[in-house]
């Protein structure tokens, strides 16, 4: 498990996880995941509130984390979500 956490902290691993989360949340637009970067905004990716919840749930399950609702409503970009993931992973060490 420690190896997964270390790997999850790299930008590349986070982007890969977020692409999988996007494909899970928006299967009808799965091909759009290819344009996802850390600088992508929720708006530019067409992520509505339901898709945002599905993406965050996917990430929480994959990394065994739990985000607070107030943390999730503040997310405007994939970089914001990556920062939140790192914050929670750092707390586990």
Protein backbone atom coordinates (compact mmCIF):
# COMPACT_ATOMS: atom_id res chain seq x y z
CA UNK A 1 0.00 0.00 0.00
CA UNK A 2 2.82 2.42 0.78
CA UNK A 3 4.07 2.13 -2.80
CA UNK A 4 0.63 3.08 -4.17
CA UNK A 5 0.52 6.16 -1.96
CA UNK A 6 3.97 7.31 -3.09
CA UNK A 7 3.03 6.74 -6.72
CA UNK A 8 -0.27 8.59 -6.24
CA UNK A 9 1.61 11.73 -5.26
CA UNK A 10 3.18 12.17 -8.70
CA UNK A 11 1.34 14.45 -11.11
CA UNK A 12 1.30 11.71 -13.75
CA UNK A 13 -0.31 9.17 -11.42
CA UNK A 14 -2.88 11.70 -10.22
CA UNK A 15 -3.81 12.65 -13.80
CA UNK A 16 -4.15 8.96 -14.71
CA UNK A 17 -6.43 8.39 -11.70
CA UNK A 18 -8.49 11.48 -12.52
CA UNK A 19 -8.90 10.30 -16.11
CA UNK A 20 -10.22 6.97 -14.84
CA UNK A 21 -12.53 8.80 -12.44
CA UNK A 22 -13.80 10.99 -15.30
CA UNK A 23 -14.45 7.95 -17.48
CA UNK A 24 -16.36 6.35 -14.58
CA UNK A 25 -18.45 9.47 -13.94
CA UNK A 26 -19.06 10.38 -17.59
CA UNK A 27 -18.94 7.13 -19.58
CA UNK A 28 -20.82 8.74 -22.45
CA UNK A 29 -17.93 11.21 -22.84
CA UNK A 30 -15.08 8.86 -21.87
CA UNK A 31 -13.02 9.92 -24.90
CA UNK A 32 -12.87 13.47 -23.51
CA UNK A 33 -10.75 12.16 -20.62
CA UNK A 34 -7.76 12.36 -22.93
CA UNK A 35 -7.79 16.15 -22.69
CA UNK A 36 -7.89 16.17 -18.88
CA UNK A 37 -4.89 17.85 -17.27
CA UNK A 38 -4.29 19.29 -13.81
CA UNK A 39 -5.15 22.70 -15.26
CA UNK A 40 -8.53 21.53 -16.58
CA UNK A 41 -11.45 23.20 -14.89
CA UNK A 42 -14.60 21.45 -13.82
CA UNK A 43 -16.47 23.69 -16.23
CA UNK A 44 -14.20 23.00 -19.23
CA UNK A 45 -14.68 19.26 -18.73
CA UNK A 46 -18.47 19.59 -18.46
CA UNK A 47 -18.52 18.14 -14.95
CA UNK A 48 -21.84 18.78 -13.24
CA UNK A 49 -22.50 18.25 -9.54
CA UNK A 50 -23.47 14.58 -9.98
CA UNK A 51 -20.36 13.80 -12.03
CA UNK A 52 -18.23 15.66 -9.47
CA UNK A 53 -19.64 13.48 -6.69
CA UNK A 54 -19.05 10.33 -8.72
CA UNK A 55 -15.47 11.36 -9.51
CA UNK A 56 -14.67 12.21 -5.90
CA UNK A 57 -16.25 8.95 -4.72
CA UNK A 58 -14.13 7.03 -7.23
CA UNK A 59 -10.96 8.76 -5.98
CA UNK A 60 -11.92 8.21 -2.34
CA UNK A 61 -12.43 4.51 -2.93
CA UNK A 62 -9.26 4.05 -4.99
CA UNK A 63 -7.07 5.77 -2.38
CA UNK A 64 -9.07 4.87 0.75
CA UNK A 65 -9.69 8.53 1.60
CA UNK A 66 -12.68 10.53 2.78
CA UNK A 67 -13.25 14.12 1.68
CA UNK A 68 -15.47 16.51 3.58
CA UNK A 69 -18.38 18.12 1.72
CA UNK A 70 -17.01 21.63 2.30
CA UNK A 71 -13.71 20.56 0.71
CA UNK A 72 -15.48 19.20 -2.36
CA UNK A 73 -17.58 22.29 -3.05
CA UNK A 74 -14.40 24.37 -3.23
CA UNK A 75 -12.97 22.36 -6.14
CA UNK A 76 -12.81 24.34 -9.37
CA UNK A 77 -10.06 22.50 -11.22
CA UNK A 78 -8.35 19.14 -11.36
CA UNK A 79 -5.37 20.77 -9.63
CA UNK A 80 -7.67 21.63 -6.71
CA UNK A 81 -8.72 17.98 -6.50
CA UNK A 82 -5.08 16.84 -6.74
CA UNK A 83 -4.17 19.21 -3.89
CA UNK A 84 -7.01 17.78 -1.80
CA UNK A 85 -5.85 14.23 -2.54
CA UNK A 86 -2.28 15.05 -1.51
CA UNK A 87 -3.47 16.78 1.66
CA UNK A 88 -5.39 13.71 2.75
CA UNK A 89 -2.63 11.31 1.77
CA UNK A 90 -0.09 13.39 3.71
CA UNK A 91 -2.28 13.15 6.82
CA UNK A 92 -1.97 9.36 6.69
CA UNK A 93 1.82 9.45 7.13
